Amino acid sequence: MLVLSAAYNSDIPWLKALISKQQLQYLLNRTIRFLGKLRHISITAVADISILKTIEKKLFGFVTMSYDTPKTEIASHHASFSSDH
């Protein structure tokens, strides 16, 4: 996620073109949700969630979903992401 975020934030056009805003937001949210499932057993997961949320806020100005977001909202987001490609 760090490499994809760096590519998206790059000033190099061909590097920035490797990932769209929608793709990065989807992958960040999916990763945060996965790590959220591990937060009770892993302090590292909690730290990783914090890092990814900070990156998301810096890149997009807000955190779109928390790791407690209902699965129906994630499924809806996934469907809209899939229909874009």
C-alpha atoms as a PDB file:
ATOM      1  CA  MET A   1       0.000   0.000   0.000  1.00  0.00           C
ATOM      2  CA  LEU A   2       2.886   2.342   0.685  1.00  0.00           C
ATOM      3  CA  VAL A   3       4.333   1.811  -2.794  1.00  0.00           C
ATOM      4  CA  LEU A   4       0.942   2.279  -4.479  1.00  0.00           C
ATOM      5  CA  SER A   5       0.341   5.441  -2.445  1.00  0.00           C
ATOM      6  CA  ALA A   6       3.766   6.780  -3.409  1.00  0.00           C
ATOM      7  CA  ALA A   7       3.098   6.027  -7.088  1.00  0.00           C
ATOM      8  CA  TYR A   8      -0.280   7.787  -6.932  1.00  0.00           C
ATOM      9  CA  ASN A   9       1.293  10.810  -5.198  1.00  0.00           C
ATOM     10  CA  SER A  10       4.246  10.965  -7.605  1.00  0.00           C
ATOM     11  CA  ASP A  11       5.017  13.940  -9.842  1.00  0.00           C
ATOM     12  CA  ILE A  12       6.214  11.508 -12.522  1.00  0.00           C
ATOM     13  CA  PRO A  13       3.284  11.140 -14.965  1.00  0.00           C
ATOM     14  CA  TRP A  14       3.886   7.513 -16.011  1.00  0.00           C
ATOM     15  CA  LEU A  15       4.260   6.451 -12.380  1.00  0.00           C
ATOM     16  CA  LYS A  16       1.121   8.301 -11.257  1.00  0.00           C
ATOM     17  CA  ALA A  17      -0.818   6.674 -14.121  1.00  0.00           C
ATOM     18  CA  LEU A  18      -0.211   3.200 -12.667  1.00  0.00           C
ATOM     19  CA  ILE A  19      -3.060   3.514 -10.156  1.00  0.00           C
ATOM     20  CA  SER A  20      -6.264   5.539 -10.228  1.00  0.00           C
ATOM     21  CA  LYS A  21      -7.765   7.401  -7.301  1.00  0.00           C
ATOM     22  CA  GLN A  22     -10.675   4.936  -7.149  1.00  0.00           C
ATOM     23  CA  GLN A  23      -8.372   1.912  -7.164  1.00  0.00           C
ATOM     24  CA  LEU A  24      -6.165   3.303  -4.416  1.00  0.00           C
ATOM     25  CA  GLN A  25      -9.124   4.300  -2.235  1.00  0.00           C
ATOM     26  CA  TYR A  26     -10.668   0.847  -2.668  1.00  0.00           C
ATOM     27  CA  LEU A  27      -7.424  -0.968  -1.841  1.00  0.00           C
ATOM     28  CA  LEU A  28      -6.680   1.246   1.156  1.00  0.00           C
ATOM     29  CA  ASN A  29     -10.157   0.633   2.552  1.00  0.00           C
ATOM     30  CA  ARG A  30      -9.967  -3.107   1.915  1.00  0.00           C
ATOM     31  CA  THR A  31      -6.581  -3.323   3.619  1.00  0.00           C
ATOM     32  CA  ILE A  32      -7.740  -1.232   6.594  1.00  0.00           C
ATOM     33  CA  ARG A  33     -10.803  -3.473   6.998  1.00  0.00           C
ATOM     34  CA  PHE A  34      -8.664  -6.617   6.881  1.00  0.00           C
ATOM     35  CA  LEU A  35      -6.234  -5.239   9.449  1.00  0.00           C
ATOM     36  CA  GLY A  36      -9.194  -4.141  11.561  1.00  0.00           C
ATOM     37  CA  LYS A  37     -10.151  -7.795  11.954  1.00  0.00           C
ATOM     38  CA  LEU A  38      -6.717  -8.417  13.476  1.00  0.00           C
ATOM     39  CA  ARG A  39      -6.649  -5.360  15.753  1.00  0.00           C
ATOM     40  CA  HIS A  40      -7.586  -7.360  18.859  1.00  0.00           C
ATOM     41  CA  ILE A  41      -4.682  -9.761  18.491  1.00  0.00           C
ATOM     42  CA  SER A  42      -1.991  -7.610  16.903  1.00  0.00           C
ATOM     43  CA  ILE A  43      -0.635  -4.264  18.023  1.00  0.00           C
ATOM     44  CA  THR A  44       1.163  -4.122  14.684  1.00  0.00           C
ATOM     45  CA  ALA A  45      -2.188  -4.221  12.882  1.00  0.00           C
ATOM     46  CA  VAL A  46      -3.358  -1.253  14.954  1.00  0.00           C
ATOM     47  CA  ALA A  47      -0.212   0.688  14.028  1.00  0.00           C
ATOM     48  CA  ASP A  48      -0.618  -0.242  10.352  1.00  0.00           C
ATOM     49  CA  ILE A  49      -4.249   0.941  10.387  1.00  0.00           C
ATOM     50  CA  SER A  50      -3.131   4.269  11.806  1.00  0.00           C
ATOM     51  CA  ILE A  51      -0.450   4.654   9.134  1.00  0.00           C
ATOM     52  CA  LEU A  52      -2.834   3.785   6.292  1.00  0.00           C
ATOM     53  CA  LYS A  53      -5.544   6.127   7.591  1.00  0.00           C
ATOM     54  CA  THR A  54      -2.969   8.923   7.807  1.00  0.00           C
ATOM     55  CA  ILE A  55      -1.912   8.283   4.211  1.00  0.00           C
ATOM     56  CA  GLU A  56      -5.530   8.228   3.073  1.00  0.00           C
ATOM     57  CA  LYS A  57      -6.272  11.500   4.845  1.00  0.00           C
ATOM     58  CA  LYS A  58      -3.163  13.145   3.409  1.00  0.00           C
ATOM     59  CA  LEU A  59      -3.889  12.002  -0.158  1.00  0.00           C
ATOM     60  CA  PHE A  60      -7.654  12.465  -0.240  1.00  0.00           C
ATOM     61  CA  GLY A  61      -8.372  14.889   2.607  1.00  0.00           C
ATOM     62  CA  PHE A  62     -10.555  12.445   4.530  1.00  0.00           C
ATOM     63  CA  VAL A  63     -10.868   8.833   5.638  1.00  0.00           C
ATOM     64  CA  THR A  64     -13.628   7.267   3.552  1.00  0.00           C
ATOM     65  CA  MET A  65     -14.454   4.220   5.694  1.00  0.00           C
ATOM     66  CA  SER A  66     -13.437   2.785   9.011  1.00  0.00           C
ATOM     67  CA  TYR A  67     -12.631  -0.835   9.692  1.00  0.00           C
ATOM     68  CA  ASP A  68     -16.061  -1.124  11.327  1.00  0.00           C
ATOM     69  CA  THR A  69     -17.931  -0.266   8.108  1.00  0.00           C
ATOM     70  CA  PRO A  70     -20.761  -2.743   7.437  1.00  0.00           C
ATOM     71  CA  LYS A  71     -20.089  -5.344   4.754  1.00  0.00           C
ATOM     72  CA  THR A  72     -23.060  -4.131   2.695  1.00  0.00           C
ATOM     73  CA  GLU A  73     -21.416  -0.720   2.261  1.00  0.00           C
ATOM     74  CA  ILE A  74     -18.143  -2.351   1.235  1.00  0.00           C
ATOM     75  CA  ALA A  75     -19.983  -4.613  -1.240  1.00  0.00           C
ATOM     76  CA  SER A  76     -21.689  -1.568  -2.730  1.00  0.00           C
ATOM     77  CA  HIS A  77     -18.352   0.232  -3.055  1.00  0.00           C
ATOM     78  CA  HIS A  78     -16.783  -2.854  -4.634  1.00  0.00           C
ATOM     79  CA  ALA A  79     -19.616  -3.131  -7.164  1.00  0.00           C
ATOM     80  CA  SER A  80     -19.215   0.501  -8.207  1.00  0.00           C
ATOM     81  CA  PHE A  81     -15.436   0.064  -8.474  1.00  0.00           C
ATOM     82  CA  SER A  82     -15.818  -3.068 -10.597  1.00  0.00           C
ATOM     83  CA  SER A  83     -18.283  -1.409 -12.968  1.00  0.00           C
ATOM     84  CA  ASP A  84     -15.757   1.404 -13.630  1.00  0.00           C
ATOM     85  CA  HIS A  85     -13.284  -1.064 -15.147  1.00  0.00           C
END
